[in-house]
Structure formats: structure tokens, C-alpha cells
Amino acid sequence: MTDSKDSFLKAEMGARELLKALERLKGEADSYESAARNLDGARDALMRLVQGTEAIVKDIHRAVQVLASVGGPEILTRLDALAETGKEAGEWRRRARPLLIGAVAASVVAAVAALGGLFL
């Protein structure tokens, strides 16, 4: 009878250890599932950002085209000439030049960001 009892106790201990191992395995699986959901959410957010950036790049590109079509460089040249004629013209040129340069710089940055998004 003792052998049967010992065998039963060993089997019960084995079953408990197996149950603990299964519980740990379930916890790990749940953890991986949660991580996968978080990664999916991050990917979706990144894709929305890329799509929004693409729209901004297109808008900036159109703005740069308009600036080029109305003679952006020519405007700067004429502003330089006006700056020589008076302080007021120089102040206007000082304010306008960063706007034109900023528009061009922003379009370059946005284009680079959009291109980077294409490789995701």
C-alpha cells in the first residue's frame, strides 16, 4: 500500500509542477500577445503619421512651385536692391527672406521624411 501511496503522491506532485509550468507558459503567451498588439498599434500610428506627412509634403511642394513660378529668386534679388535704398525696405527683406528660405527648407525636410516612410 505504501508503494501505491508514494506513487500517487509523486504523480500528484508531478501534476502540480506541470500545472505551474502550464500557468507560466500561458503567462508568457499572454505577454507575447500583448506585445504583438502594442507593436501593431505602433505600426498603425506610424502609418498614419507617414500618410499625414505625405499630404503635408504635397502641399509644401505646391507652395514651392508657386514661389518658383512667381520668381522667388527674383523677389529676393529685388528685395536686396530695395534694401540698399532704405532702412524700411531692408527690414521688409529681413522679414521675408527667412519665410522663403523656411518654406524651401520645410519642403526638403518633409520630402526626406516621406521618403523615409516609403521604406517602412
PDB file of N, CA and C in Angstrom:
ATOM      1  N   MET A   1       0.817  -1.192   0.000  1.00  0.00           N
ATOM      2  CA  MET A   1       0.000   0.000   0.000  1.00  0.00           C
ATOM      3  C   MET A   1       0.855   1.247   0.000  1.00  0.00           C
ATOM      4  N   THR A   2       2.007   1.209   0.626  1.00  0.00           N
ATOM      5  CA  THR A   2       2.893   2.349   0.697  1.00  0.00           C
ATOM      6  C   THR A   2       3.410   2.715  -0.683  1.00  0.00           C
ATOM      7  N   ASP A   3       3.710   1.698  -1.483  1.00  0.00           N
ATOM      8  CA  ASP A   3       4.191   1.984  -2.835  1.00  0.00           C
ATOM      9  C   ASP A   3       3.116   2.701  -3.650  1.00  0.00           C
ATOM     10  N   SER A   4       1.895   2.282  -3.507  1.00  0.00           N
ATOM     11  CA  SER A   4       0.791   2.923  -4.225  1.00  0.00           C
ATOM     12  C   SER A   4       0.621   4.363  -3.753  1.00  0.00           C
ATOM     13  N   LYS A   5       0.727   4.534  -2.457  1.00  0.00           N
ATOM     14  CA  LYS A   5       0.581   5.873  -1.872  1.00  0.00           C
ATOM     15  C   LYS A   5       1.715   6.772  -2.345  1.00  0.00           C
ATOM     16  N   ASP A   6       2.938   6.270  -2.319  1.00  0.00           N
ATOM     17  CA  ASP A   6       4.090   7.055  -2.798  1.00  0.00           C
ATOM     18  C   ASP A   6       3.949   7.389  -4.274  1.00  0.00           C
ATOM     19  N   SER A   7       3.515   6.421  -5.055  1.00  0.00           N
ATOM     20  CA  SER A   7       3.319   6.655  -6.487  1.00  0.00           C
ATOM     21  C   SER A   7       2.259   7.725  -6.718  1.00  0.00           C
ATOM     22  N   PHE A   8       1.177   7.635  -5.943  1.00  0.00           N
ATOM     23  CA  PHE A   8       0.112   8.630  -6.072  1.00  0.00           C
ATOM     24  C   PHE A   8       0.614  10.024  -5.699  1.00  0.00           C
ATOM     25  N   LEU A   9       1.367  10.138  -4.599  1.00  0.00           N
ATOM     26  CA  LEU A   9       1.906  11.437  -4.168  1.00  0.00           C
ATOM     27  C   LEU A   9       2.886  11.992  -5.200  1.00  0.00           C
ATOM     28  N   LYS A  10       3.708  11.112  -5.775  1.00  0.00           N
ATOM     29  CA  LYS A  10       4.646  11.565  -6.822  1.00  0.00           C
ATOM     30  C   LYS A  10       3.878  12.050  -8.048  1.00  0.00           C
ATOM     31  N   ALA A  11       2.841  11.316  -8.406  1.00  0.00           N
ATOM     32  CA  ALA A  11       2.025  11.711  -9.560  1.00  0.00           C
ATOM     33  C   ALA A  11       1.343  13.047  -9.298  1.00  0.00           C
ATOM     34  N   GLU A  12       0.861  13.234  -8.055  1.00  0.00           N
ATOM     35  CA  GLU A  12       0.210  14.496  -7.707  1.00  0.00           C
ATOM     36  C   GLU A  12       1.208  15.648  -7.765  1.00  0.00           C
ATOM     37  N   MET A  13       2.420  15.445  -7.243  1.00  0.00           N
ATOM     38  CA  MET A  13       3.448  16.486  -7.286  1.00  0.00           C
ATOM     39  C   MET A  13       3.829  16.801  -8.739  1.00  0.00           C
ATOM     40  N   GLY A  14       3.934  15.741  -9.531  1.00  0.00           N
ATOM     41  CA  GLY A  14       4.228  15.943 -10.951  1.00  0.00           C
ATOM     42  C   GLY A  14       3.142  16.748 -11.637  1.00  0.00           C
ATOM     43  N   ALA A  15       1.894  16.456 -11.297  1.00  0.00           N
ATOM     44  CA  ALA A  15       0.758  17.182 -11.876  1.00  0.00           C
ATOM     45  C   ALA A  15       0.785  18.646 -11.449  1.00  0.00           C
ATOM     46  N   ARG A  16       1.124  18.906 -10.192  1.00  0.00           N
ATOM     47  CA  ARG A  16       1.213  20.296  -9.711  1.00  0.00           C
ATOM     48  C   ARG A  16       2.324  21.049 -10.434  1.00  0.00           C
ATOM     49  N   GLU A  17       3.478  20.392 -10.593  1.00  0.00           N
ATOM     50  CA  GLU A  17       4.593  21.038 -11.304  1.00  0.00           C
ATOM     51  C   GLU A  17       4.208  21.311 -12.750  1.00  0.00           C
ATOM     52  N   LEU A  18       3.512  20.345 -13.360  1.00  0.00           N
ATOM     53  CA  LEU A  18       3.050  20.526 -14.734  1.00  0.00           C
ATOM     54  C   LEU A  18       2.065  21.689 -14.815  1.00  0.00           C
ATOM     55  N   LEU A  19       1.163  21.790 -13.846  1.00  0.00           N
ATOM     56  CA  LEU A  19       0.195  22.881 -13.806  1.00  0.00           C
ATOM     57  C   LEU A  19       0.904  24.235 -13.683  1.00  0.00           C
ATOM     58  N   LYS A  20       1.913  24.310 -12.805  1.00  0.00           N
ATOM     59  CA  LYS A  20       2.678  25.558 -12.648  1.00  0.00           C
ATOM     60  C   LYS A  20       3.394  25.917 -13.946  1.00  0.00           C
ATOM     61  N   ALA A  21       3.979  24.916 -14.604  1.00  0.00           N
ATOM     62  CA  ALA A  21       4.675  25.157 -15.869  1.00  0.00           C
ATOM     63  C   ALA A  21       3.697  25.652 -16.930  1.00  0.00           C
ATOM     64  N   LEU A  22       2.506  25.054 -16.970  1.00  0.00           N
ATOM     65  CA  LEU A  22       1.487  25.488 -17.930  1.00  0.00           C
ATOM     66  C   LEU A  22       1.018  26.914 -17.634  1.00  0.00           C
ATOM     67  N   GLU A  23       0.883  27.249 -16.351  1.00  0.00           N
ATOM     68  CA  GLU A  23       0.491  28.609 -15.985  1.00  0.00           C
ATOM     69  C   GLU A  23       1.558  29.608 -16.412  1.00  0.00           C
ATOM     70  N   ARG A  24       2.847  29.260 -16.219  1.00  0.00           N
ATOM     71  CA  ARG A  24       3.930  30.153 -16.666  1.00  0.00           C
ATOM     72  C   ARG A  24       3.914  30.298 -18.191  1.00  0.00           C
ATOM     73  N   LEU A  25       3.678  29.171 -18.876  1.00  0.00           N
ATOM     74  CA  LEU A  25       3.620  29.197 -20.332  1.00  0.00           C
ATOM     75  C   LEU A  25       2.469  30.067 -20.815  1.00  0.00           C
ATOM     76  N   LYS A  26       1.314  29.961 -20.156  1.00  0.00           N
ATOM     77  CA  LYS A  26       0.175  30.817 -20.526  1.00  0.00           C
ATOM     78  C   LYS A  26       0.507  32.285 -20.301  1.00  0.00           C
ATOM     79  N   GLY A  27       1.167  32.580 -19.170  1.00  0.00           N
ATOM     80  CA  GLY A  27       1.570  33.963 -18.896  1.00  0.00           C
ATOM     81  C   GLY A  27       2.510  34.497 -19.972  1.00  0.00           C
ATOM     82  N   GLU A  28       3.465  33.680 -20.396  1.00  0.00           N
ATOM     83  CA  GLU A  28       4.388  34.091 -21.454  1.00  0.00           C
ATOM     84  C   GLU A  28       3.638  34.329 -22.762  1.00  0.00           C
ATOM     85  N   ALA A  29       2.722  33.416 -23.097  1.00  0.00           N
ATOM     86  CA  ALA A  29       1.942  33.564 -24.331  1.00  0.00           C
ATOM     87  C   ALA A  29       1.110  34.842 -24.285  1.00  0.00           C
ATOM     88  N   ASP A  30       0.491  35.116 -23.141  1.00  0.00           N
ATOM     89  CA  ASP A  30      -0.291  36.350 -22.992  1.00  0.00           C
ATOM     90  C   ASP A  30       0.609  37.575 -23.150  1.00  0.00           C
ATOM     91  N   SER A  31       1.806  37.491 -22.594  1.00  0.00           N
ATOM     92  CA  SER A  31       2.755  38.598 -22.696  1.00  0.00           C
ATOM     93  C   SER A  31       3.138  38.850 -24.148  1.00  0.00           C
ATOM     94  N   TYR A  32       3.411  37.780 -24.878  1.00  0.00           N
ATOM     95  CA  TYR A  32       3.760  37.928 -26.298  1.00  0.00           C
ATOM     96  C   TYR A  32       2.582  38.474 -27.096  1.00  0.00           C
ATOM     97  N   GLU A  33       1.382  38.031 -26.774  1.00  0.00           N
ATOM     98  CA  GLU A  33       0.200  38.517 -27.470  1.00  0.00           C
ATOM     99  C   GLU A  33       0.014  40.012 -27.216  1.00  0.00           C
ATOM    100  N   SER A  34       0.222  40.432 -25.985  1.00  0.00           N
ATOM    101  CA  SER A  34       0.111  41.851 -25.632  1.00  0.00           C
ATOM    102  C   SER A  34       1.173  42.667 -26.368  1.00  0.00           C
ATOM    103  N   ALA A  35       2.389  42.160 -26.415  1.00  0.00           N
ATOM    104  CA  ALA A  35       3.462  42.866 -27.125  1.00  0.00           C
ATOM    105  C   ALA A  35       3.130  42.982 -28.606  1.00  0.00           C
ATOM    106  N   ALA A  36       2.577  41.929 -29.188  1.00  0.00           N
ATOM    107  CA  ALA A  36       2.211  41.971 -30.606  1.00  0.00           C
ATOM    108  C   ALA A  36       1.141  43.032 -30.850  1.00  0.00           C
ATOM    109  N   ARG A  37       0.151  43.128 -29.945  1.00  0.00           N
ATOM    110  CA  ARG A  37      -0.888  44.164 -30.094  1.00  0.00           C
ATOM    111  C   ARG A  37      -0.273  45.553 -30.008  1.00  0.00           C
ATOM    112  N   ASN A  38       0.663  45.738 -29.068  1.00  0.00           N
ATOM    113  CA  ASN A  38       1.319  47.044 -28.933  1.00  0.00           C
ATOM    114  C   ASN A  38       2.101  47.394 -30.186  1.00  0.00           C
ATOM    115  N   LEU A  39       2.794  46.416 -30.755  1.00  0.00           N
ATOM    116  CA  LEU A  39       3.546  46.670 -31.986  1.00  0.00           C
ATOM    117  C   LEU A  39       2.604  46.998 -33.145  1.00  0.00           C
ATOM    118  N   ASP A  40       1.490  46.291 -33.222  1.00  0.00           N
ATOM    119  CA  ASP A  40       0.509  46.596 -34.272  1.00  0.00           C
ATOM    120  C   ASP A  40      -0.012  48.021 -34.127  1.00  0.00           C
ATOM    121  N   GLY A  41      -0.281  48.428 -32.900  1.00  0.00           N
ATOM    122  CA  GLY A  41      -0.761  49.793 -32.660  1.00  0.00           C
ATOM    123  C   GLY A  41       0.290  50.823 -33.039  1.00  0.00           C
ATOM    124  N   ALA A  42       1.540  50.545 -32.701  1.00  0.00           N
ATOM    125  CA  ALA A  42       2.615  51.474 -33.058  1.00  0.00           C
ATOM    126  C   ALA A  42       2.773  51.556 -34.570  1.00  0.00           C
ATOM    127  N   ARG A  43       2.686  50.419 -35.248  1.00  0.00           N
ATOM    128  CA  ARG A  43       2.788  50.408 -36.706  1.00  0.00           C
ATOM    129  C   ARG A  43       1.653  51.230 -37.330  1.00  0.00           C
ATOM    130  N   ASP A  44       0.438  51.038 -36.827  1.00  0.00           N
ATOM    131  CA  ASP A  44      -0.705  51.785 -37.361  1.00  0.00           C
ATOM    132  C   ASP A  44      -0.528  53.294 -37.147  1.00  0.00           C
ATOM    133  N   ALA A  45      -0.053  53.678 -35.972  1.00  0.00           N
ATOM    134  CA  ALA A  45       0.172  55.097 -35.701  1.00  0.00           C
ATOM    135  C   ALA A  45       1.253  55.658 -36.608  1.00  0.00           C
ATOM    136  N   LEU A  46       2.297  54.885 -36.837  1.00  0.00           N
ATOM    137  CA  LEU A  46       3.373  55.325 -37.713  1.00  0.00           C
ATOM    138  C   LEU A  46       2.875  55.483 -39.148  1.00  0.00           C
ATOM    139  N   MET A  47       2.035  54.579 -39.595  1.00  0.00           N
ATOM    140  CA  MET A  47       1.487  54.683 -40.948  1.00  0.00           C
ATOM    141  C   MET A  47       0.608  55.930 -41.084  1.00  0.00           C
ATOM    142  N   ARG A  48      -0.175  56.233 -40.052  1.00  0.00           N
ATOM    143  CA  ARG A  48      -0.985  57.463 -40.103  1.00  0.00           C
ATOM    144  C   ARG A  48      -0.080  58.690 -40.168  1.00  0.00           C
ATOM    145  N   LEU A  49       1.015  58.660 -39.424  1.00  0.00           N
ATOM    146  CA  LEU A  49       1.958  59.771 -39.453  1.00  0.00           C
ATOM    147  C   LEU A  49       2.572  59.920 -40.839  1.00  0.00           C
ATOM    148  N   VAL A  50       2.945  58.808 -41.446  1.00  0.00           N
ATOM    149  CA  VAL A  50       3.531  58.849 -42.795  1.00  0.00           C
ATOM    150  C   VAL A  50       2.518  59.409 -43.784  1.00  0.00           C
ATOM    151  N   GLN A  51       1.282  58.966 -43.692  1.00  0.00           N
ATOM    152  CA  GLN A  51       0.254  59.459 -44.610  1.00  0.00           C
ATOM    153  C   GLN A  51       0.004  60.955 -44.418  1.00  0.00           C
ATOM    154  N   GLY A  52      -0.020  61.392 -43.164  1.00  0.00           N
ATOM    155  CA  GLY A  52      -0.188  62.825 -42.897  1.00  0.00           C
ATOM    156  C   GLY A  52       0.990  63.624 -43.412  1.00  0.00           C
ATOM    157  N   THR A  53       2.192  63.075 -43.245  1.00  0.00           N
ATOM    158  CA  THR A  53       3.391  63.751 -43.727  1.00  0.00           C
ATOM    159  C   THR A  53       3.376  63.836 -45.245  1.00  0.00           C
ATOM    160  N   GLU A  54       2.899  62.793 -45.886  1.00  0.00           N
ATOM    161  CA  GLU A  54       2.834  62.792 -47.344  1.00  0.00           C
ATOM    162  C   GLU A  54       1.939  63.932 -47.840  1.00  0.00           C
ATOM    163  N   ALA A  55       0.807  64.127 -47.189  1.00  0.00           N
ATOM    164  CA  ALA A  55      -0.104  65.214 -47.580  1.00  0.00           C
ATOM    165  C   ALA A  55       0.566  66.569 -47.375  1.00  0.00           C
ATOM    166  N   ILE A  56       1.286  66.706 -46.263  1.00  0.00           N
ATOM    167  CA  ILE A  56       1.991  67.974 -45.995  1.00  0.00           C
ATOM    168  C   ILE A  56       3.060  68.220 -47.043  1.00  0.00           C
ATOM    169  N   VAL A  57       3.791  67.162 -47.414  1.00  0.00           N
ATOM    170  CA  VAL A  57       4.848  67.301 -48.423  1.00  0.00           C
ATOM    171  C   VAL A  57       4.253  67.768 -49.746  1.00  0.00           C
ATOM    172  N   LYS A  58       3.119  67.193 -50.103  1.00  0.00           N
ATOM    173  CA  LYS A  58       2.473  67.597 -51.358  1.00  0.00           C
ATOM    174  C   LYS A  58       2.075  69.069 -51.302  1.00  0.00           C
ATOM    175  N   ASP A  59       1.517  69.504 -50.169  1.00  0.00           N
ATOM    176  CA  ASP A  59       1.131  70.911 -50.026  1.00  0.00           C
ATOM    177  C   ASP A  59       2.346  71.830 -50.100  1.00  0.00           C
ATOM    178  N   ILE A  60       3.419  71.444 -49.425  1.00  0.00           N
ATOM    179  CA  ILE A  60       4.630  72.266 -49.436  1.00  0.00           C
ATOM    180  C   ILE A  60       5.227  72.301 -50.835  1.00  0.00           C
ATOM    181  N   HIS A  61       5.190  71.172 -51.517  1.00  0.00           N
ATOM    182  CA  HIS A  61       5.708  71.126 -52.884  1.00  0.00           C
ATOM    183  C   HIS A  61       4.940  72.097 -53.782  1.00  0.00           C
ATOM    184  N   ARG A  62       3.621  72.102 -53.628  1.00  0.00           N
ATOM    185  CA  ARG A  62       2.814  73.046 -54.419  1.00  0.00           C
ATOM    186  C   ARG A  62       3.181  74.491 -54.069  1.00  0.00           C
ATOM    187  N   ALA A  63       3.391  74.762 -52.781  1.00  0.00           N
ATOM    188  CA  ALA A  63       3.760  76.122 -52.363  1.00  0.00           C
ATOM    189  C   ALA A  63       5.112  76.522 -52.950  1.00  0.00           C
ATOM    190  N   VAL A  64       6.065  75.600 -52.942  1.00  0.00           N
ATOM    191  CA  VAL A  64       7.382  75.895 -53.519  1.00  0.00           C
ATOM    192  C   VAL A  64       7.263  76.131 -55.019  1.00  0.00           C
ATOM    193  N   GLN A  65       6.416  75.351 -55.678  1.00  0.00           N
ATOM    194  CA  GLN A  65       6.207  75.551 -57.115  1.00  0.00           C
ATOM    195  C   GLN A  65       5.626  76.944 -57.392  1.00  0.00           C
ATOM    196  N   VAL A  66       4.686  77.356 -56.542  1.00  0.00           N
ATOM    197  CA  VAL A  66       4.097  78.690 -56.705  1.00  0.00           C
ATOM    198  C   VAL A  66       5.177  79.753 -56.506  1.00  0.00           C
ATOM    199  N   LEU A  67       5.989  79.588 -55.458  1.00  0.00           N
ATOM    200  CA  LEU A  67       7.073  80.548 -55.217  1.00  0.00           C
ATOM    201  C   LEU A  67       8.026  80.598 -56.400  1.00  0.00           C
ATOM    202  N   ALA A  68       8.345  79.438 -56.950  1.00  0.00           N
ATOM    203  CA  ALA A  68       9.243  79.408 -58.097  1.00  0.00           C
ATOM    204  C   ALA A  68       8.583  80.044 -59.315  1.00  0.00           C
ATOM    205  N   SER A  69       7.283  79.792 -59.504  1.00  0.00           N
ATOM    206  CA  SER A  69       6.597  80.328 -60.679  1.00  0.00           C
ATOM    207  C   SER A  69       6.452  81.841 -60.625  1.00  0.00           C
ATOM    208  N   VAL A  70       6.364  82.401 -59.414  1.00  0.00           N
ATOM    209  CA  VAL A  70       6.263  83.859 -59.321  1.00  0.00           C
ATOM    210  C   VAL A  70       7.636  84.501 -59.203  1.00  0.00           C
ATOM    211  N   GLY A  71       8.665  83.665 -59.300  1.00  0.00           N
ATOM    212  CA  GLY A  71      10.018  84.216 -59.307  1.00  0.00           C
ATOM    213  C   GLY A  71      10.602  84.432 -57.935  1.00  0.00           C
ATOM    214  N   GLY A  72      10.570  83.428 -57.088  1.00  0.00           N
ATOM    215  CA  GLY A  72      11.118  83.532 -55.741  1.00  0.00           C
ATOM    216  C   GLY A  72      12.527  84.094 -55.707  1.00  0.00           C
ATOM    217  N   PRO A  73      13.453  83.548 -56.515  1.00  0.00           N
ATOM    218  CA  PRO A  73      14.806  84.108 -56.533  1.00  0.00           C
ATOM    219  C   PRO A  73      14.833  85.564 -57.000  1.00  0.00           C
ATOM    220  N   GLU A  74      13.968  85.865 -57.958  1.00  0.00           N
ATOM    221  CA  GLU A  74      13.905  87.248 -58.455  1.00  0.00           C
ATOM    222  C   GLU A  74      13.395  88.184 -57.363  1.00  0.00           C
ATOM    223  N   ILE A  75      12.450  87.711 -56.587  1.00  0.00           N
ATOM    224  CA  ILE A  75      11.929  88.516 -55.477  1.00  0.00           C
ATOM    225  C   ILE A  75      13.054  88.837 -54.505  1.00  0.00           C
ATOM    226  N   LEU A  76      13.873  87.830 -54.173  1.00  0.00           N
ATOM    227  CA  LEU A  76      14.993  88.058 -53.260  1.00  0.00           C
ATOM    228  C   LEU A  76      15.987  89.062 -53.852  1.00  0.00           C
ATOM    229  N   THR A  77      16.235  88.953 -55.144  1.00  0.00           N
ATOM    230  CA  THR A  77      17.156  89.892 -55.801  1.00  0.00           C
ATOM    231  C   THR A  77      16.613  91.317 -55.726  1.00  0.00           C
ATOM    232  N   ARG A  78      15.347  91.464 -56.000  1.00  0.00           N
ATOM    233  CA  ARG A  78      14.739  92.800 -55.941  1.00  0.00           C
ATOM    234  C   ARG A  78      14.684  93.329 -54.507  1.00  0.00           C
ATOM    235  N   LEU A  79      14.444  92.429 -53.555  1.00  0.00           N
ATOM    236  CA  LEU A  79      14.464  92.848 -52.152  1.00  0.00           C
ATOM    237  C   LEU A  79      15.854  93.343 -51.755  1.00  0.00           C
ATOM    238  N   ASP A  80      16.882  92.680 -52.259  1.00  0.00           N
ATOM    239  CA  ASP A  80      18.252  93.127 -51.995  1.00  0.00           C
ATOM    240  C   ASP A  80      18.462  94.538 -52.540  1.00  0.00           C
ATOM    241  N   ALA A  81      17.950  94.767 -53.737  1.00  0.00           N
ATOM    242  CA  ALA A  81      18.091  96.095 -54.334  1.00  0.00           C
ATOM    243  C   ALA A  81      17.327  97.137 -53.530  1.00  0.00           C
ATOM    244  N   LEU A  82      16.133  96.788 -53.079  1.00  0.00           N
ATOM    245  CA  LEU A  82      15.355  97.719 -52.268  1.00  0.00           C
ATOM    246  C   LEU A  82      16.026  97.987 -50.921  1.00  0.00           C
ATOM    247  N   ALA A  83      16.671  96.971 -50.379  1.00  0.00           N
ATOM    248  CA  ALA A  83      17.333  97.134 -49.093  1.00  0.00           C
ATOM    249  C   ALA A  83      18.409  98.204 -49.160  1.00  0.00           C
ATOM    250  N   GLU A  84      19.014  98.316 -50.290  1.00  0.00           N
ATOM    251  CA  GLU A  84      20.061  99.322 -50.441  1.00  0.00           C
ATOM    252  C   GLU A  84      19.482 100.728 -50.478  1.00  0.00           C
ATOM    253  N   THR A  85      18.208 100.858 -50.833  1.00  0.00           N
ATOM    254  CA  THR A  85      17.612 102.185 -50.949  1.00  0.00           C
ATOM    255  C   THR A  85      17.054 102.726 -49.638  1.00  0.00           C
ATOM    256  N   GLY A  86      16.865 101.855 -48.665  1.00  0.00           N
ATOM    257  CA  GLY A  86      16.345 102.409 -47.410  1.00  0.00           C
ATOM    258  C   GLY A  86      16.192 101.373 -46.318  1.00  0.00           C
ATOM    259  N   LYS A  87      16.139 101.874 -45.115  1.00  0.00           N
ATOM    260  CA  LYS A  87      16.052 101.003 -43.946  1.00  0.00           C
ATOM    261  C   LYS A  87      14.742 100.229 -43.924  1.00  0.00           C
ATOM    262  N   GLU A  88      13.649 100.862 -44.307  1.00  0.00           N
ATOM    263  CA  GLU A  88      12.348 100.210 -44.286  1.00  0.00           C
ATOM    264  C   GLU A  88      12.323  99.020 -45.248  1.00  0.00           C
ATOM    265  N   ALA A  89      12.875  99.192 -46.410  1.00  0.00           N
ATOM    266  CA  ALA A  89      12.934  98.097 -47.376  1.00  0.00           C
ATOM    267  C   ALA A  89      13.833  96.984 -46.846  1.00  0.00           C
ATOM    268  N   GLY A  90      14.909  97.364 -46.190  1.00  0.00           N
ATOM    269  CA  GLY A  90      15.803  96.355 -45.622  1.00  0.00           C
ATOM    270  C   GLY A  90      15.108  95.545 -44.550  1.00  0.00           C
ATOM    271  N   GLU A  91      14.283  96.185 -43.747  1.00  0.00           N
ATOM    272  CA  GLU A  91      13.537  95.488 -42.708  1.00  0.00           C
ATOM    273  C   GLU A  91      12.541  94.510 -43.327  1.00  0.00           C
ATOM    274  N   TRP A  92      11.886  94.925 -44.376  1.00  0.00           N
ATOM    275  CA  TRP A  92      10.931  94.050 -45.058  1.00  0.00           C
ATOM    276  C   TRP A  92      11.653  92.835 -45.641  1.00  0.00           C
ATOM    277  N   ARG A  93      12.789  93.069 -46.236  1.00  0.00           N
ATOM    278  CA  ARG A  93      13.589  91.990 -46.812  1.00  0.00           C
ATOM    279  C   ARG A  93      14.041  91.033 -45.705  1.00  0.00           C
ATOM    280  N   ARG A  94      14.446  91.587 -44.593  1.00  0.00           N
ATOM    281  CA  ARG A  94      14.920  90.770 -43.478  1.00  0.00           C
ATOM    282  C   ARG A  94      13.801  89.845 -42.985  1.00  0.00           C
ATOM    283  N   ARG A  95      12.574  90.336 -43.008  1.00  0.00           N
ATOM    284  CA  ARG A  95      11.450  89.524 -42.547  1.00  0.00           C
ATOM    285  C   ARG A  95      11.013  88.505 -43.601  1.00  0.00           C
ATOM    286  N   ALA A  96      11.067  88.861 -44.850  1.00  0.00           N
ATOM    287  CA  ALA A  96      10.570  87.992 -45.919  1.00  0.00           C
ATOM    288  C   ALA A  96      11.543  86.869 -46.263  1.00  0.00           C
ATOM    289  N   ARG A  97      12.824  87.139 -46.208  1.00  0.00           N
ATOM    290  CA  ARG A  97      13.817  86.140 -46.615  1.00  0.00           C
ATOM    291  C   ARG A  97      13.716  84.843 -45.794  1.00  0.00           C
ATOM    292  N   PRO A  98      13.641  84.911 -44.468  1.00  0.00           N
ATOM    293  CA  PRO A  98      13.516  83.646 -43.716  1.00  0.00           C
ATOM    294  C   PRO A  98      12.254  82.856 -44.061  1.00  0.00           C
ATOM    295  N   LEU A  99      11.179  83.568 -44.403  1.00  0.00           N
ATOM    296  CA  LEU A  99       9.956  82.867 -44.781  1.00  0.00           C
ATOM    297  C   LEU A  99      10.162  82.064 -46.058  1.00  0.00           C
ATOM    298  N   LEU A 100      10.786  82.680 -47.046  1.00  0.00           N
ATOM    299  CA  LEU A 100      11.045  81.973 -48.294  1.00  0.00           C
ATOM    300  C   LEU A 100      12.031  80.825 -48.076  1.00  0.00           C
ATOM    301  N   ILE A 101      13.086  81.086 -47.346  1.00  0.00           N
ATOM    302  CA  ILE A 101      14.078  80.044 -47.071  1.00  0.00           C
ATOM    303  C   ILE A 101      13.455  78.935 -46.221  1.00  0.00           C
ATOM    304  N   GLY A 102      12.631  79.292 -45.260  1.00  0.00           N
ATOM    305  CA  GLY A 102      11.955  78.307 -44.413  1.00  0.00           C
ATOM    306  C   GLY A 102      11.021  77.415 -45.207  1.00  0.00           C
ATOM    307  N   ALA A 103      10.314  77.994 -46.166  1.00  0.00           N
ATOM    308  CA  ALA A 103       9.413  77.192 -46.997  1.00  0.00           C
ATOM    309  C   ALA A 103      10.196  76.157 -47.787  1.00  0.00           C
ATOM    310  N   VAL A 104      11.311  76.565 -48.337  1.00  0.00           N
ATOM    311  CA  VAL A 104      12.135  75.636 -49.106  1.00  0.00           C
ATOM    312  C   VAL A 104      12.715  74.566 -48.168  1.00  0.00           C
ATOM    313  N   ALA A 105      13.228  74.965 -47.020  1.00  0.00           N
ATOM    314  CA  ALA A 105      13.808  74.008 -46.072  1.00  0.00           C
ATOM    315  C   ALA A 105      12.755  73.029 -45.578  1.00  0.00           C
ATOM    316  N   ALA A 106      11.560  73.516 -45.284  1.00  0.00           N
ATOM    317  CA  ALA A 106      10.491  72.642 -44.805  1.00  0.00           C
ATOM    318  C   ALA A 106      10.106  71.622 -45.869  1.00  0.00           C
ATOM    319  N   SER A 107      10.094  72.029 -47.118  1.00  0.00           N
ATOM    320  CA  SER A 107       9.747  71.084 -48.181  1.00  0.00           C
ATOM    321  C   SER A 107      10.806  70.004 -48.307  1.00  0.00           C
ATOM    322  N   VAL A 108      12.058  70.370 -48.130  1.00  0.00           N
ATOM    323  CA  VAL A 108      13.128  69.373 -48.197  1.00  0.00           C
ATOM    324  C   VAL A 108      13.011  68.392 -47.036  1.00  0.00           C
ATOM    325  N   VAL A 109      12.789  68.896 -45.833  1.00  0.00           N
ATOM    326  CA  VAL A 109      12.662  68.031 -44.650  1.00  0.00           C
ATOM    327  C   VAL A 109      11.457  67.112 -44.805  1.00  0.00           C
ATOM    328  N   ALA A 110      10.342  67.645 -45.249  1.00  0.00           N
ATOM    329  CA  ALA A 110       9.141  66.830 -45.407  1.00  0.00           C
ATOM    330  C   ALA A 110       9.336  65.773 -46.485  1.00  0.00           C
ATOM    331  N   ALA A 111      10.013  66.128 -47.559  1.00  0.00           N
ATOM    332  CA  ALA A 111      10.274  65.158 -48.618  1.00  0.00           C
ATOM    333  C   ALA A 111      11.151  64.031 -48.108  1.00  0.00           C
ATOM    334  N   VAL A 112      12.155  64.354 -47.338  1.00  0.00           N
ATOM    335  CA  VAL A 112      13.030  63.328 -46.766  1.00  0.00           C
ATOM    336  C   VAL A 112      12.243  62.424 -45.822  1.00  0.00           C
ATOM    337  N   ALA A 113      11.381  63.018 -45.004  1.00  0.00           N
ATOM    338  CA  ALA A 113      10.578  62.227 -44.072  1.00  0.00           C
ATOM    339  C   ALA A 113       9.631  61.302 -44.842  1.00  0.00           C
ATOM    340  N   ALA A 114       9.034  61.806 -45.904  1.00  0.00           N
ATOM    341  CA  ALA A 114       8.123  60.982 -46.702  1.00  0.00           C
ATOM    342  C   ALA A 114       8.870  59.853 -47.374  1.00  0.00           C
ATOM    343  N   LEU A 115      10.033  60.141 -47.869  1.00  0.00           N
ATOM    344  CA  LEU A 115      10.840  59.089 -48.494  1.00  0.00           C
ATOM    345  C   LEU A 115      11.223  58.029 -47.481  1.00  0.00           C
ATOM    346  N   GLY A 116      11.549  58.463 -46.275  1.00  0.00           N
ATOM    347  CA  GLY A 116      11.872  57.508 -45.225  1.00  0.00           C
ATOM    348  C   GLY A 116      10.682  56.619 -44.908  1.00  0.00           C
ATOM    349  N   GLY A 117       9.485  57.159 -44.976  1.00  0.00           N
ATOM    350  CA  GLY A 117       8.288  56.396 -44.717  1.00  0.00           C
ATOM    351  C   GLY A 117       8.012  55.346 -45.790  1.00  0.00           C
ATOM    352  N   LEU A 118       8.484  55.564 -46.987  1.00  0.00           N
ATOM    353  CA  LEU A 118       8.278  54.601 -48.060  1.00  0.00           C
ATOM    354  C   LEU A 118       9.014  53.294 -47.806  1.00  0.00           C
ATOM    355  N   PHE A 119      10.041  53.331 -47.003  1.00  0.00           N
ATOM    356  CA  PHE A 119      10.857  52.145 -46.760  1.00  0.00           C
ATOM    357  C   PHE A 119      10.389  51.346 -45.552  1.00  0.00           C
ATOM    358  N   LEU A 120       9.286  51.778 -44.909  1.00  0.00           N
ATOM    359  CA  LEU A 120       8.791  51.058 -43.724  1.00  0.00           C
ATOM    360  C   LEU A 120       8.051  49.826 -44.116  1.00  0.00           C
TER     361      LEU A 120
END
